[in-house]
Amino acid sequence: MTAPRTYALEEMLPFARAALQNYERLRSDFSSEDFAEGLFFELEKIRVEGVVRGGFPASTRTKFNYGGPRFPDGLRRAVSEVLWYLIHHGFILPQWRDFPSTAVGTQYWMTERGRQWANGADPMPEDVAGFLGHLDALAPKLDPIIRQYVAEGLGSFHREQYFSAAVMLGAASEKEIYLLGDSMVSALQSAQHQKDLLALLGNRSLYRLLTFIGEQLRGVSSPVRKSSNGLFDGAETHLASLFESIRVQRNDAVHPNTGTVNERSVRMAYDSFPAAVLKAEELREWCRKNPNTL
């Protein structure tokens, strides 16, 4: 990973997450000084400009230089921005100085939600470039329209427009399912199944299509499963996350009174999307290479 040159929030957040996960002082009550130390320990690993050890006596708690004429003002502002981002999203919260009369103190604590975020797997949807780079590495032949939907959705997520982010991810998932269904036609042995699938694809019967694909995956024979090097193992579970994104897009996002679209649910959907779309792409490739097999 290259050093963030502009200290942009989306570039700094992965290091903040690593700091919350790895830096011992951030496991319980901690100060803004502790947070800066943990963040700088992570930034030092990639030699970010302005992250320099020294400048204070060795007896103090700090190991890095946080001042002087050569210290970048942008880095100072970036640390503040990251800290308040974590507070705004409820990942860390101020410790009560005098409960319940004084809610704002100088110490912070990590919430359970923050622990889940800190222990999450890469990539995070806040890091648009990182997420897309990860997706490109997993699925280099991904349909460009799907990629565009994801990119638009990530932009919405970054702006805290979670309905829009859910709709875009649902559209990407729907497109992937239709591509999978199209690839599956030639892989089916039964002429009737092929006819049924073509009809579902032609009249855009999405929910019936989802049911049909699920039935075909459940019905894969043992010899085919054994010869596919585990391709079908867990396939339904991965595709279920695509199905769920479509459900949210069709129901919760369009008719919010029928369900809930919030930051946590949309984050979970984006977290699971790369693995799900990779499985769908692998199934598509297998279907193309194995006609009349399912």
C-alpha atoms as a PDB file:
ATOM      1  CA  MET A   1       0.000   0.000   0.000  1.00  0.00           C
ATOM      2  CA  THR A   2       1.369   3.402  -0.938  1.00  0.00           C
ATOM      3  CA  ALA A   3       1.559   6.232   1.550  1.00  0.00           C
ATOM      4  CA  PRO A   4      -1.414   8.617   1.465  1.00  0.00           C
ATOM      5  CA  ARG A   5      -0.108  11.874  -0.008  1.00  0.00           C
ATOM      6  CA  THR A   6      -3.162  14.002   0.677  1.00  0.00           C
ATOM      7  CA  TYR A   7      -4.024  12.357   4.023  1.00  0.00           C
ATOM      8  CA  ALA A   8      -7.525  11.820   2.655  1.00  0.00           C
ATOM      9  CA  LEU A   9     -10.021  10.246   5.058  1.00  0.00           C
ATOM     10  CA  GLU A  10     -10.634   7.175   2.919  1.00  0.00           C
ATOM     11  CA  GLU A  11      -6.879   6.580   2.740  1.00  0.00           C
ATOM     12  CA  MET A  12      -6.384   6.999   6.480  1.00  0.00           C
ATOM     13  CA  LEU A  13      -9.289   4.858   7.692  1.00  0.00           C
ATOM     14  CA  PRO A  14      -7.679   1.444   7.023  1.00  0.00           C
ATOM     15  CA  PHE A  15      -4.772   2.500   9.242  1.00  0.00           C
ATOM     16  CA  ALA A  16      -7.151   3.729  11.940  1.00  0.00           C
ATOM     17  CA  ARG A  17      -8.868   0.352  11.874  1.00  0.00           C
ATOM     18  CA  ALA A  18      -5.521  -1.426  12.150  1.00  0.00           C
ATOM     19  CA  ALA A  19      -4.602   0.826  15.084  1.00  0.00           C
ATOM     20  CA  LEU A  20      -7.808  -0.038  16.947  1.00  0.00           C
ATOM     21  CA  GLN A  21      -7.130  -3.691  16.324  1.00  0.00           C
ATOM     22  CA  ASN A  22      -3.413  -3.833  17.066  1.00  0.00           C
ATOM     23  CA  TYR A  23      -2.412  -1.056  19.457  1.00  0.00           C
ATOM     24  CA  GLU A  24      -2.613  -2.230  23.059  1.00  0.00           C
ATOM     25  CA  ARG A  25      -3.474   1.152  24.589  1.00  0.00           C
ATOM     26  CA  LEU A  26      -6.645   1.370  22.491  1.00  0.00           C
ATOM     27  CA  ARG A  27      -8.120  -1.817  23.961  1.00  0.00           C
ATOM     28  CA  SER A  28      -9.604  -0.007  26.999  1.00  0.00           C
ATOM     29  CA  ASP A  29      -9.991   3.663  27.923  1.00  0.00           C
ATOM     30  CA  PHE A  30      -7.613   5.781  25.877  1.00  0.00           C
ATOM     31  CA  SER A  31      -6.779   9.403  25.147  1.00  0.00           C
ATOM     32  CA  SER A  32      -6.519  11.261  21.859  1.00  0.00           C
ATOM     33  CA  GLU A  33      -2.757  11.037  22.390  1.00  0.00           C
ATOM     34  CA  ASP A  34      -3.002   7.252  22.574  1.00  0.00           C
ATOM     35  CA  PHE A  35      -5.068   7.246  19.392  1.00  0.00           C
ATOM     36  CA  ALA A  36      -2.496   9.353  17.546  1.00  0.00           C
ATOM     37  CA  GLU A  37       0.282   7.013  18.711  1.00  0.00           C
ATOM     38  CA  GLY A  38      -1.571   3.938  17.509  1.00  0.00           C
ATOM     39  CA  LEU A  39      -2.380   5.539  14.168  1.00  0.00           C
ATOM     40  CA  PHE A  40       1.205   6.707  13.675  1.00  0.00           C
ATOM     41  CA  PHE A  41       2.550   3.231  14.450  1.00  0.00           C
ATOM     42  CA  GLU A  42       0.520   1.978  11.493  1.00  0.00           C
ATOM     43  CA  LEU A  43       1.390   4.893   9.214  1.00  0.00           C
ATOM     44  CA  GLU A  44       5.080   4.472  10.010  1.00  0.00           C
ATOM     45  CA  LYS A  45       5.022   1.025   8.401  1.00  0.00           C
ATOM     46  CA  ILE A  46       4.530   2.588   4.987  1.00  0.00           C
ATOM     47  CA  ARG A  47       6.674   5.656   5.651  1.00  0.00           C
ATOM     48  CA  VAL A  48       3.982   8.304   5.483  1.00  0.00           C
ATOM     49  CA  GLU A  49       5.440  11.785   5.166  1.00  0.00           C
ATOM     50  CA  GLY A  50       5.446  13.570   8.517  1.00  0.00           C
ATOM     51  CA  VAL A  51       5.436  10.415  10.655  1.00  0.00           C
ATOM     52  CA  VAL A  52       8.775  10.680  12.448  1.00  0.00           C
ATOM     53  CA  ARG A  53       9.953   9.159  15.700  1.00  0.00           C
ATOM     54  CA  GLY A  54      11.560  11.375  18.287  1.00  0.00           C
ATOM     55  CA  GLY A  55      11.202  14.938  19.330  1.00  0.00           C
ATOM     56  CA  PHE A  56      10.177  14.185  22.908  1.00  0.00           C
ATOM     57  CA  PRO A  57      12.030  12.746  25.910  1.00  0.00           C
ATOM     58  CA  ALA A  58      12.047   8.954  25.995  1.00  0.00           C
ATOM     59  CA  SER A  59      10.281   8.991  29.361  1.00  0.00           C
ATOM     60  CA  THR A  60       7.044  10.343  27.910  1.00  0.00           C
ATOM     61  CA  ARG A  61       4.239   8.201  26.557  1.00  0.00           C
ATOM     62  CA  THR A  62       4.678   9.416  23.005  1.00  0.00           C
ATOM     63  CA  LYS A  63       7.186   7.973  20.549  1.00  0.00           C
ATOM     64  CA  PHE A  64       6.506  10.279  17.603  1.00  0.00           C
ATOM     65  CA  ASN A  65       7.042  13.929  16.826  1.00  0.00           C
ATOM     66  CA  TYR A  66       3.760  15.847  16.624  1.00  0.00           C
ATOM     67  CA  GLY A  67       4.976  19.377  16.143  1.00  0.00           C
ATOM     68  CA  GLY A  68       7.580  21.708  14.765  1.00  0.00           C
ATOM     69  CA  PRO A  69       7.822  23.710  11.550  1.00  0.00           C
ATOM     70  CA  ARG A  70       8.327  20.587   9.419  1.00  0.00           C
ATOM     71  CA  PHE A  71       5.305  18.712  10.752  1.00  0.00           C
ATOM     72  CA  PRO A  72       2.592  18.686   8.018  1.00  0.00           C
ATOM     73  CA  ASP A  73      -0.510  20.586   9.025  1.00  0.00           C
ATOM     74  CA  GLY A  74      -2.531  18.294   6.746  1.00  0.00           C
ATOM     75  CA  LEU A  75      -1.504  15.290   8.797  1.00  0.00           C
ATOM     76  CA  ARG A  76      -2.589  16.986  12.025  1.00  0.00           C
ATOM     77  CA  ARG A  77      -5.977  17.755  10.494  1.00  0.00           C
ATOM     78  CA  ALA A  78      -6.264  14.222   9.130  1.00  0.00           C
ATOM     79  CA  VAL A  79      -5.807  12.677  12.583  1.00  0.00           C
ATOM     80  CA  SER A  80      -8.561  14.950  13.896  1.00  0.00           C
ATOM     81  CA  GLU A  81     -10.842  14.051  10.978  1.00  0.00           C
ATOM     82  CA  VAL A  82     -10.353  10.330  11.490  1.00  0.00           C
ATOM     83  CA  LEU A  83     -10.958  10.594  15.229  1.00  0.00           C
ATOM     84  CA  TRP A  84     -14.242  12.451  14.735  1.00  0.00           C
ATOM     85  CA  TYR A  85     -15.293  10.045  11.987  1.00  0.00           C
ATOM     86  CA  LEU A  86     -14.939   7.158  14.436  1.00  0.00           C
ATOM     87  CA  ILE A  87     -16.955   9.086  17.027  1.00  0.00           C
ATOM     88  CA  HIS A  88     -19.630  10.074  14.507  1.00  0.00           C
ATOM     89  CA  HIS A  89     -20.153   6.437  13.484  1.00  0.00           C
ATOM     90  CA  GLY A  90     -20.234   5.200  17.054  1.00  0.00           C
ATOM     91  CA  PHE A  91     -17.042   3.123  16.787  1.00  0.00           C
ATOM     92  CA  ILE A  92     -15.526   5.003  19.731  1.00  0.00           C
ATOM     93  CA  LEU A  93     -17.217   7.322  22.223  1.00  0.00           C
ATOM     94  CA  PRO A  94     -16.076   9.822  24.849  1.00  0.00           C
ATOM     95  CA  GLN A  95     -15.839   8.480  28.368  1.00  0.00           C
ATOM     96  CA  TRP A  96     -18.100  10.256  30.874  1.00  0.00           C
ATOM     97  CA  ARG A  97     -16.005  12.575  32.990  1.00  0.00           C
ATOM     98  CA  ASP A  98     -18.691  12.970  35.649  1.00  0.00           C
ATOM     99  CA  PHE A  99     -21.670  10.702  35.002  1.00  0.00           C
ATOM    100  CA  PRO A 100     -24.327  11.822  34.266  1.00  0.00           C
ATOM    101  CA  SER A 101     -23.644  15.546  34.416  1.00  0.00           C
ATOM    102  CA  THR A 102     -20.652  15.777  32.043  1.00  0.00           C
ATOM    103  CA  ALA A 103     -20.827  13.668  28.890  1.00  0.00           C
ATOM    104  CA  VAL A 104     -17.628  14.872  27.223  1.00  0.00           C
ATOM    105  CA  GLY A 105     -14.291  13.916  28.688  1.00  0.00           C
ATOM    106  CA  THR A 106     -10.712  13.469  27.563  1.00  0.00           C
ATOM    107  CA  GLN A 107     -10.841   9.670  27.454  1.00  0.00           C
ATOM    108  CA  TYR A 108     -12.473   7.430  24.851  1.00  0.00           C
ATOM    109  CA  TRP A 109     -13.652   3.839  24.728  1.00  0.00           C
ATOM    110  CA  MET A 110     -14.279   1.437  21.866  1.00  0.00           C
ATOM    111  CA  THR A 111     -17.873   0.264  21.467  1.00  0.00           C
ATOM    112  CA  GLU A 112     -18.858  -3.276  20.497  1.00  0.00           C
ATOM    113  CA  ARG A 113     -19.764  -1.911  17.099  1.00  0.00           C
ATOM    114  CA  GLY A 114     -16.290  -0.415  16.909  1.00  0.00           C
ATOM    115  CA  ARG A 115     -14.706  -3.752  17.784  1.00  0.00           C
ATOM    116  CA  GLN A 116     -16.623  -5.424  14.989  1.00  0.00           C
ATOM    117  CA  TRP A 117     -15.470  -2.716  12.585  1.00  0.00           C
ATOM    118  CA  ALA A 118     -11.862  -2.942  13.768  1.00  0.00           C
ATOM    119  CA  ASN A 119     -11.827  -6.716  13.385  1.00  0.00           C
ATOM    120  CA  GLY A 120     -13.506  -6.655   9.980  1.00  0.00           C
ATOM    121  CA  ALA A 121     -11.883  -8.045   6.877  1.00  0.00           C
ATOM    122  CA  ASP A 122     -10.650  -5.831   4.066  1.00  0.00           C
ATOM    123  CA  PRO A 123     -11.812  -4.033   2.088  1.00  0.00           C
ATOM    124  CA  MET A 124     -13.975  -1.438   3.822  1.00  0.00           C
ATOM    125  CA  PRO A 125     -16.595   0.436   1.774  1.00  0.00           C
ATOM    126  CA  GLU A 126     -15.305   3.815   2.998  1.00  0.00           C
ATOM    127  CA  ASP A 127     -12.128   3.166   1.003  1.00  0.00           C
ATOM    128  CA  VAL A 128     -13.600   3.413  -2.496  1.00  0.00           C
ATOM    129  CA  ALA A 129     -10.333   2.973  -4.387  1.00  0.00           C
ATOM    130  CA  GLY A 130      -9.194   0.138  -2.144  1.00  0.00           C
ATOM    131  CA  PHE A 131     -12.528  -1.675  -2.418  1.00  0.00           C
ATOM    132  CA  LEU A 132     -12.590  -1.411  -6.207  1.00  0.00           C
ATOM    133  CA  GLY A 133      -8.958  -2.494  -6.413  1.00  0.00           C
ATOM    134  CA  HIS A 134      -9.746  -5.562  -4.328  1.00  0.00           C
ATOM    135  CA  LEU A 135     -12.765  -6.333  -6.494  1.00  0.00           C
ATOM    136  CA  ASP A 136     -10.722  -5.939  -9.686  1.00  0.00           C
ATOM    137  CA  ALA A 137      -8.103  -8.340  -8.347  1.00  0.00           C
ATOM    138  CA  LEU A 138     -10.725 -10.965  -7.465  1.00  0.00           C
ATOM    139  CA  ALA A 139     -12.785 -10.634 -10.635  1.00  0.00           C
ATOM    140  CA  PRO A 140     -10.699  -9.005 -13.385  1.00  0.00           C
ATOM    141  CA  LYS A 141     -13.312  -9.918 -16.030  1.00  0.00           C
ATOM    142  CA  LEU A 142     -16.222  -8.446 -14.083  1.00  0.00           C
ATOM    143  CA  ASP A 143     -18.913  -6.895 -16.259  1.00  0.00           C
ATOM    144  CA  PRO A 144     -18.173  -3.137 -16.487  1.00  0.00           C
ATOM    145  CA  ILE A 145     -21.787  -2.235 -15.718  1.00  0.00           C
ATOM    146  CA  ILE A 146     -21.622  -4.219 -12.475  1.00  0.00           C
ATOM    147  CA  ARG A 147     -18.400  -2.463 -11.567  1.00  0.00           C
ATOM    148  CA  GLN A 148     -19.985   0.917 -12.301  1.00  0.00           C
ATOM    149  CA  TYR A 149     -22.953   0.108 -10.063  1.00  0.00           C
ATOM    150  CA  VAL A 150     -20.579  -0.836  -7.251  1.00  0.00           C
ATOM    151  CA  ALA A 151     -18.484   2.310  -7.730  1.00  0.00           C
ATOM    152  CA  GLU A 152     -21.613   4.497  -7.629  1.00  0.00           C
ATOM    153  CA  GLY A 153     -22.835   2.662  -4.542  1.00  0.00           C
ATOM    154  CA  LEU A 154     -19.536   3.103  -2.734  1.00  0.00           C
ATOM    155  CA  GLY A 155     -19.668   6.812  -3.472  1.00  0.00           C
ATOM    156  CA  SER A 156     -23.144   6.946  -1.943  1.00  0.00           C
ATOM    157  CA  PHE A 157     -21.981   4.998   1.103  1.00  0.00           C
ATOM    158  CA  HIS A 158     -19.091   7.404   1.591  1.00  0.00           C
ATOM    159  CA  ARG A 159     -21.611  10.302   1.574  1.00  0.00           C
ATOM    160  CA  GLU A 160     -23.819   8.388   4.058  1.00  0.00           C
ATOM    161  CA  GLN A 161     -26.595   7.983   1.466  1.00  0.00           C
ATOM    162  CA  TYR A 162     -27.387   4.424   2.467  1.00  0.00           C
ATOM    163  CA  PHE A 163     -30.598   3.969   0.469  1.00  0.00           C
ATOM    164  CA  SER A 164     -28.715   4.883  -2.703  1.00  0.00           C
ATOM    165  CA  ALA A 165     -25.848   2.587  -1.747  1.00  0.00           C
ATOM    166  CA  ALA A 166     -28.286  -0.291  -1.205  1.00  0.00           C
ATOM    167  CA  VAL A 167     -30.011   0.298  -4.540  1.00  0.00           C
ATOM    168  CA  MET A 168     -26.727   0.357  -6.451  1.00  0.00           C
ATOM    169  CA  LEU A 169     -25.472  -2.845  -4.835  1.00  0.00           C
ATOM    170  CA  GLY A 170     -28.820  -4.510  -5.489  1.00  0.00           C
ATOM    171  CA  ALA A 171     -28.606  -3.521  -9.151  1.00  0.00           C
ATOM    172  CA  ALA A 172     -25.068  -4.940  -9.367  1.00  0.00           C
ATOM    173  CA  SER A 173     -26.211  -8.174  -7.721  1.00  0.00           C
ATOM    174  CA  GLU A 174     -29.207  -8.449 -10.040  1.00  0.00           C
ATOM    175  CA  LYS A 175     -27.025  -8.011 -13.103  1.00  0.00           C
ATOM    176  CA  GLU A 176     -24.639 -10.715 -11.854  1.00  0.00           C
ATOM    177  CA  ILE A 177     -27.518 -13.153 -11.259  1.00  0.00           C
ATOM    178  CA  TYR A 178     -28.859 -12.631 -14.778  1.00  0.00           C
ATOM    179  CA  LEU A 179     -25.396 -13.222 -16.223  1.00  0.00           C
ATOM    180  CA  LEU A 180     -25.087 -16.402 -14.178  1.00  0.00           C
ATOM    181  CA  GLY A 181     -28.495 -17.582 -15.368  1.00  0.00           C
ATOM    182  CA  ASP A 182     -27.546 -16.906 -18.967  1.00  0.00           C
ATOM    183  CA  SER A 183     -24.338 -18.931 -18.577  1.00  0.00           C
ATOM    184  CA  MET A 184     -26.225 -21.773 -16.909  1.00  0.00           C
ATOM    185  CA  VAL A 185     -28.513 -22.459 -19.905  1.00  0.00           C
ATOM    186  CA  SER A 186     -25.975 -24.472 -21.883  1.00  0.00           C
ATOM    187  CA  ALA A 187     -24.785 -26.316 -18.768  1.00  0.00           C
ATOM    188  CA  LEU A 188     -28.207 -27.876 -18.108  1.00  0.00           C
ATOM    189  CA  GLN A 189     -28.831 -31.418 -19.319  1.00  0.00           C
ATOM    190  CA  SER A 190     -32.626 -31.240 -19.437  1.00  0.00           C
ATOM    191  CA  ALA A 191     -34.092 -29.591 -22.513  1.00  0.00           C
ATOM    192  CA  GLN A 192     -37.119 -28.614 -20.431  1.00  0.00           C
ATOM    193  CA  HIS A 193     -34.923 -26.973 -17.820  1.00  0.00           C
ATOM    194  CA  GLN A 194     -33.142 -25.053 -20.548  1.00  0.00           C
ATOM    195  CA  LYS A 195     -36.496 -23.908 -21.934  1.00  0.00           C
ATOM    196  CA  ASP A 196     -37.714 -22.899 -18.478  1.00  0.00           C
ATOM    197  CA  LEU A 197     -34.560 -20.959 -17.751  1.00  0.00           C
ATOM    198  CA  LEU A 198     -34.673 -19.128 -21.080  1.00  0.00           C
ATOM    199  CA  ALA A 199     -38.264 -18.131 -20.328  1.00  0.00           C
ATOM    200  CA  LEU A 200     -37.304 -16.786 -16.911  1.00  0.00           C
ATOM    201  CA  LEU A 201     -34.463 -14.802 -18.433  1.00  0.00           C
ATOM    202  CA  GLY A 202     -36.673 -13.496 -21.200  1.00  0.00           C
ATOM    203  CA  ASN A 203     -39.553 -12.247 -19.077  1.00  0.00           C
ATOM    204  CA  ARG A 204     -37.275 -11.002 -16.256  1.00  0.00           C
ATOM    205  CA  SER A 205     -38.986 -13.096 -13.587  1.00  0.00           C
ATOM    206  CA  LEU A 206     -36.331 -12.299 -11.041  1.00  0.00           C
ATOM    207  CA  TYR A 207     -37.625 -14.086  -7.964  1.00  0.00           C
ATOM    208  CA  ARG A 208     -38.527 -17.199  -9.916  1.00  0.00           C
ATOM    209  CA  LEU A 209     -35.083 -17.043 -11.495  1.00  0.00           C
ATOM    210  CA  LEU A 210     -33.457 -16.914  -8.067  1.00  0.00           C
ATOM    211  CA  THR A 211     -35.506 -19.946  -6.991  1.00  0.00           C
ATOM    212  CA  PHE A 212     -34.595 -21.833 -10.154  1.00  0.00           C
ATOM    213  CA  ILE A 213     -30.857 -21.201  -9.763  1.00  0.00           C
ATOM    214  CA  GLY A 214     -31.006 -22.260  -6.132  1.00  0.00           C
ATOM    215  CA  GLU A 215     -32.767 -25.499  -7.067  1.00  0.00           C
ATOM    216  CA  GLN A 216     -30.174 -26.299  -9.723  1.00  0.00           C
ATOM    217  CA  LEU A 217     -27.316 -25.736  -7.297  1.00  0.00           C
ATOM    218  CA  ARG A 218     -28.935 -27.933  -4.661  1.00  0.00           C
ATOM    219  CA  GLY A 219     -29.491 -30.651  -7.254  1.00  0.00           C
ATOM    220  CA  VAL A 220     -25.883 -30.916  -8.443  1.00  0.00           C
ATOM    221  CA  SER A 221     -24.938 -34.599  -8.391  1.00  0.00           C
ATOM    222  CA  SER A 222     -22.152 -35.991  -6.216  1.00  0.00           C
ATOM    223  CA  PRO A 223     -19.909 -36.926  -9.209  1.00  0.00           C
ATOM    224  CA  VAL A 224     -20.138 -33.370 -10.543  1.00  0.00           C
ATOM    225  CA  ARG A 225     -19.423 -31.937  -7.111  1.00  0.00           C
ATOM    226  CA  LYS A 226     -16.359 -34.134  -6.728  1.00  0.00           C
ATOM    227  CA  SER A 227     -15.021 -33.223 -10.167  1.00  0.00           C
ATOM    228  CA  SER A 228     -15.459 -29.481  -9.665  1.00  0.00           C
ATOM    229  CA  ASN A 229     -12.763 -29.104  -6.972  1.00  0.00           C
ATOM    230  CA  GLY A 230     -15.205 -27.779  -4.387  1.00  0.00           C
ATOM    231  CA  LEU A 231     -16.740 -25.129  -6.639  1.00  0.00           C
ATOM    232  CA  PHE A 232     -20.284 -25.926  -5.546  1.00  0.00           C
ATOM    233  CA  ASP A 233     -19.431 -26.145  -1.843  1.00  0.00           C
ATOM    234  CA  GLY A 234     -20.967 -23.116  -0.174  1.00  0.00           C
ATOM    235  CA  ALA A 235     -22.203 -21.733  -3.502  1.00  0.00           C
ATOM    236  CA  GLU A 236     -25.734 -21.200  -2.210  1.00  0.00           C
ATOM    237  CA  THR A 237     -24.438 -19.367   0.857  1.00  0.00           C
ATOM    238  CA  HIS A 238     -22.404 -16.954  -1.249  1.00  0.00           C
ATOM    239  CA  LEU A 239     -25.215 -16.366  -3.707  1.00  0.00           C
ATOM    240  CA  ALA A 240     -27.637 -15.828  -0.839  1.00  0.00           C
ATOM    241  CA  SER A 241     -25.870 -12.550  -0.087  1.00  0.00           C
ATOM    242  CA  LEU A 242     -26.494 -11.427  -3.680  1.00  0.00           C
ATOM    243  CA  PHE A 243     -30.129 -12.470  -3.322  1.00  0.00           C
ATOM    244  CA  GLU A 244     -30.388 -10.484  -0.088  1.00  0.00           C
ATOM    245  CA  SER A 245     -28.940  -7.373  -1.741  1.00  0.00           C
ATOM    246  CA  ILE A 246     -31.573  -7.692  -4.452  1.00  0.00           C
ATOM    247  CA  ARG A 247     -34.326  -8.082  -1.835  1.00  0.00           C
ATOM    248  CA  VAL A 248     -33.161  -4.937  -0.056  1.00  0.00           C
ATOM    249  CA  GLN A 249     -33.026  -3.060  -3.350  1.00  0.00           C
ATOM    250  CA  ARG A 250     -36.521  -4.174  -4.383  1.00  0.00           C
ATOM    251  CA  ASN A 251     -38.176  -3.862  -0.966  1.00  0.00           C
ATOM    252  CA  ASP A 252     -36.408  -1.995   1.821  1.00  0.00           C
ATOM    253  CA  ALA A 253     -34.768   0.742  -0.223  1.00  0.00           C
ATOM    254  CA  VAL A 254     -37.735   1.447  -2.488  1.00  0.00           C
ATOM    255  CA  HIS A 255     -40.334   0.987   0.264  1.00  0.00           C
ATOM    256  CA  PRO A 256     -38.459   1.865   3.478  1.00  0.00           C
ATOM    257  CA  ASN A 257     -41.533   1.303   5.645  1.00  0.00           C
ATOM    258  CA  THR A 258     -41.338  -2.428   4.908  1.00  0.00           C
ATOM    259  CA  GLY A 259     -37.793  -2.864   6.140  1.00  0.00           C
ATOM    260  CA  THR A 260     -34.666  -1.200   7.390  1.00  0.00           C
ATOM    261  CA  VAL A 261     -31.817   0.227   5.367  1.00  0.00           C
ATOM    262  CA  ASN A 262     -29.104   1.587   7.606  1.00  0.00           C
ATOM    263  CA  GLU A 263     -25.361   1.977   7.692  1.00  0.00           C
ATOM    264  CA  ARG A 264     -24.752  -1.362   9.384  1.00  0.00           C
ATOM    265  CA  SER A 265     -26.914  -3.459   7.059  1.00  0.00           C
ATOM    266  CA  VAL A 266     -25.482  -1.833   3.944  1.00  0.00           C
ATOM    267  CA  ARG A 267     -21.932  -2.226   5.257  1.00  0.00           C
ATOM    268  CA  MET A 268     -22.523  -5.936   5.778  1.00  0.00           C
ATOM    269  CA  ALA A 269     -23.835  -6.249   2.225  1.00  0.00           C
ATOM    270  CA  TYR A 270     -20.751  -4.567   0.760  1.00  0.00           C
ATOM    271  CA  ASP A 271     -18.467  -6.654   2.978  1.00  0.00           C
ATOM    272  CA  SER A 272     -19.902  -9.873   1.559  1.00  0.00           C
ATOM    273  CA  PHE A 273     -20.183  -8.750  -2.071  1.00  0.00           C
ATOM    274  CA  PRO A 274     -16.609  -9.442  -3.309  1.00  0.00           C
ATOM    275  CA  ALA A 275     -16.648 -13.093  -2.207  1.00  0.00           C
ATOM    276  CA  ALA A 276     -20.187 -13.558  -3.514  1.00  0.00           C
ATOM    277  CA  VAL A 277     -19.488 -12.099  -6.934  1.00  0.00           C
ATOM    278  CA  LEU A 278     -16.283 -14.139  -7.166  1.00  0.00           C
ATOM    279  CA  LYS A 279     -18.284 -17.329  -6.578  1.00  0.00           C
ATOM    280  CA  ALA A 280     -20.837 -16.283  -9.195  1.00  0.00           C
ATOM    281  CA  GLU A 281     -18.065 -15.547 -11.702  1.00  0.00           C
ATOM    282  CA  GLU A 282     -16.455 -18.931 -11.032  1.00  0.00           C
ATOM    283  CA  LEU A 283     -19.805 -20.653 -11.562  1.00  0.00           C
ATOM    284  CA  ARG A 284     -20.312 -18.774 -14.812  1.00  0.00           C
ATOM    285  CA  GLU A 285     -16.901 -19.883 -16.082  1.00  0.00           C
ATOM    286  CA  TRP A 286     -17.585 -23.498 -15.079  1.00  0.00           C
ATOM    287  CA  CYS A 287     -20.947 -23.475 -16.855  1.00  0.00           C
ATOM    288  CA  ARG A 288     -19.364 -22.203 -20.053  1.00  0.00           C
ATOM    289  CA  LYS A 289     -16.783 -25.007 -19.974  1.00  0.00           C
ATOM    290  CA  ASN A 290     -19.173 -27.814 -18.981  1.00  0.00           C
ATOM    291  CA  PRO A 291     -22.214 -27.946 -21.290  1.00  0.00           C
ATOM    292  CA  ASN A 292     -24.993 -30.466 -20.637  1.00  0.00           C
ATOM    293  CA  THR A 293     -23.615 -31.360 -17.197  1.00  0.00           C
ATOM    294  CA  LEU A 294     -26.052 -30.081 -14.561  1.00  0.00           C
END
